[in-house]
Protein backbone atom coordinates (compact mmCIF):
# COMPACT_ATOMS: atom_id res chain seq x y z
CA MET A 1 86.21 121.37 51.66
CA ALA A 2 84.17 118.92 53.51
CA ARG A 3 85.97 115.95 55.71
CA ALA A 4 85.36 112.40 55.25
CA GLY A 5 82.80 110.92 57.70
CA THR A 6 84.98 108.08 59.43
CA ALA A 7 84.71 105.51 62.01
CA ASN A 8 86.86 104.34 65.10
CA PHE A 9 87.51 100.77 66.20
CA HIS A 10 84.92 100.64 68.46
CA GLN A 11 82.59 101.36 65.96
CA MET A 12 82.64 98.18 63.84
CA VAL A 13 81.21 95.73 66.16
CA LEU A 14 81.14 91.77 65.87
CA GLU A 15 78.70 89.65 67.35
CA VAL A 16 77.95 86.09 68.19
CA GLU A 17 74.45 85.39 69.39
CA THR A 18 74.47 84.23 73.07
CA ALA A 19 71.74 81.02 72.31
CA PRO A 20 70.52 80.15 69.18
CA GLY A 21 67.50 81.83 68.20
CA SER A 22 67.53 84.54 71.24
CA GLY A 23 68.72 87.95 69.17
CA THR A 24 71.21 88.42 72.08
CA TYR A 25 74.61 89.25 70.57
CA ALA A 26 77.67 89.55 72.91
CA LYS A 27 81.38 90.60 71.40
CA LEU A 28 83.99 88.27 71.04
CA CYS A 29 86.28 89.78 74.07
CA GLY A 30 89.90 90.50 73.26
CA MET A 31 89.73 90.80 69.74
CA THR A 32 92.19 94.08 68.36
CA SER A 33 91.62 93.77 64.89
CA ARG A 34 89.03 92.78 62.90
CA GLY A 35 88.10 92.92 59.04
CA ILE A 36 85.36 92.04 56.82
CA ASN A 37 85.44 91.29 53.23
CA ARG A 38 83.01 91.44 50.40
CA GLN A 39 84.06 89.35 47.49
CA HIS A 40 82.55 88.32 44.13
CA ASN A 41 84.19 84.99 42.78
CA MET A 42 83.86 85.71 38.77
CA GLN A 43 83.98 83.85 36.08
CA THR A 44 85.41 84.81 32.54
CA SER A 45 84.32 84.20 28.97
CA GLU A 46 86.64 84.85 25.75
CA VAL A 47 83.92 86.38 23.37
CA PRO A 48 85.17 86.63 19.59
CA ASP A 49 84.62 89.38 16.83
CA CYS A 50 82.22 87.86 14.59
CA ASP A 51 82.99 89.97 11.60
CA ASP A 52 87.09 89.66 12.26
CA GLU A 53 87.77 86.41 14.27
CA SER A 54 91.76 87.62 13.34
CA LEU A 55 91.15 90.44 16.09
CA PRO A 56 91.69 89.39 19.81
CA ALA A 57 88.72 88.00 21.81
CA ALA A 58 87.25 90.02 24.71
CA VAL A 59 87.15 88.88 27.68
CA GLU A 60 83.68 89.38 29.62
CA ARG A 61 83.14 89.00 33.33
CA ALA A 62 80.19 88.00 35.66
CA VAL A 63 79.86 87.48 38.84
CA GLN A 64 79.58 83.80 39.45
CA SER A 65 79.00 83.48 43.20
CA SER A 66 79.71 85.99 46.54
CA GLU A 67 81.23 85.54 49.72
CA VAL A 68 81.48 87.22 53.18
CA THR A 69 84.29 86.58 55.49
CA ILE A 70 85.31 88.57 58.67
CA SER A 71 89.57 88.45 59.87
CA GLY A 72 90.32 88.87 63.87
CA SER A 73 93.22 88.87 66.20
CA GLY A 74 94.14 89.94 69.49
CA VAL A 75 94.29 88.61 72.92
CA TRP A 76 92.97 84.89 73.94
CA ALA A 77 90.21 86.31 76.22
CA SER A 78 88.82 84.20 78.76
CA GLN A 79 85.57 85.71 78.48
CA SER A 80 85.25 84.21 74.74
CA HIS A 81 87.28 81.13 75.49
CA GLU A 82 84.69 78.70 75.54
CA THR A 83 82.37 80.36 73.14
CA MET A 84 85.08 79.74 70.29
CA LEU A 85 85.81 76.72 71.32
CA ASP A 86 82.40 75.14 70.97
CA TRP A 87 81.34 77.06 68.21
CA TRP A 88 84.75 75.64 66.51
CA TYR A 89 84.23 71.82 68.07
CA ASP A 90 80.36 71.88 67.41
CA GLY A 91 81.34 72.73 63.32
CA GLN A 92 77.87 74.21 63.15
CA THR A 93 76.93 78.06 61.93
CA LYS A 94 76.15 80.79 64.66
CA GLN A 95 74.32 83.45 64.40
CA ILE A 96 76.47 86.27 64.19
CA ARG A 97 76.58 90.15 63.22
CA VAL A 98 78.76 93.09 62.07
CA GLN A 99 77.41 96.48 63.49
CA HIS A 100 78.65 99.78 61.42
CA VAL A 101 77.84 102.37 64.63
CA ASN A 102 78.37 104.92 62.71
CA ALA A 103 76.01 103.99 59.99
CA ALA A 104 74.09 107.65 58.58
CA VAL A 105 69.81 106.96 59.17
CA GLY A 106 68.71 104.48 56.46
CA ASP A 107 72.15 103.02 55.42
CA THR A 108 73.36 99.27 56.17
CA GLU A 109 73.97 99.54 60.47
CA TYR A 110 73.91 95.47 60.45
CA GLU A 111 75.46 92.51 58.59
CA THR A 112 73.58 89.75 59.97
CA GLY A 113 73.83 85.68 59.36
CA ASN A 114 74.66 82.48 60.06
CA ALA A 115 78.41 81.78 59.71
CA TYR A 116 81.02 78.89 60.45
CA LEU A 117 84.01 79.77 62.37
CA VAL A 118 86.50 78.18 60.36
CA SER A 119 90.05 78.68 62.07
CA ILE A 120 91.45 79.86 65.16
CA SER A 121 94.88 79.71 65.67
CA ASN A 122 96.92 80.75 69.24
CA GLN A 123 100.25 81.80 69.48
CA ALA A 124 102.12 81.71 72.82
CA GLU A 125 105.61 83.25 73.40
CA ARG A 126 106.90 84.07 77.05
CA GLY A 127 106.56 86.73 78.48
CA THR A 128 103.72 87.95 76.67
CA LYS A 129 100.25 86.69 76.37
CA VAL A 130 98.55 84.12 74.34
CA THR A 131 96.95 85.59 71.05
CA ALA A 132 94.73 84.28 68.47
CA GLU A 133 93.59 84.65 64.81
CA ILE A 134 90.41 83.73 63.45
CA ALA A 135 88.85 83.31 60.48
CA ILE A 136 85.15 83.36 59.90
CA GLU A 137 82.89 82.67 56.60
CA PHE A 138 79.18 83.73 56.48
CA ASP A 139 76.94 80.47 55.33
CA GLY A 140 75.68 82.49 52.63
CA ILE A 141 75.37 85.93 52.12
CA PRO A 142 74.41 88.08 55.14
CA THR A 143 70.84 90.22 55.65
CA ARG A 144 71.71 93.81 55.54
CA THR A 145 69.34 95.80 58.14
CA ALA A 146 69.30 99.66 57.32
CA LYS A 147 69.69 102.05 60.74
CA ALA A 148 66.40 103.05 61.91
CA ALA A 149 65.70 106.86 63.07
């Protein structure tokens, strides 16, 4: 019996391009939880039986659109403070990428594209560090890049 290959937290990396067009990326510091959601938005149609209209119609589905979103939470790190606030207040996209460090050669290592920082929520409680929750949405479908040998 073979066990499944797995990845640890630090092997799914979220990075933001440091300067537009530079190709240089930096991790968002402080995130202790992050997730990526790939979703198809579906359209349904009821298709009747032409021979016997008394039968229930079949529901057929088709992909109407697709979207990729990222969520994250953790401590509010001073290293990413200005990057995050500038990104949100500018209301513009930034080039980001998600790296799957454990990807096999030929499999998707990076998902890269322009994305909006849709929301930042900070919380502070006496005796604890300031925390943050973020939501990021790709503007279109990210480009998948395979891991090279």
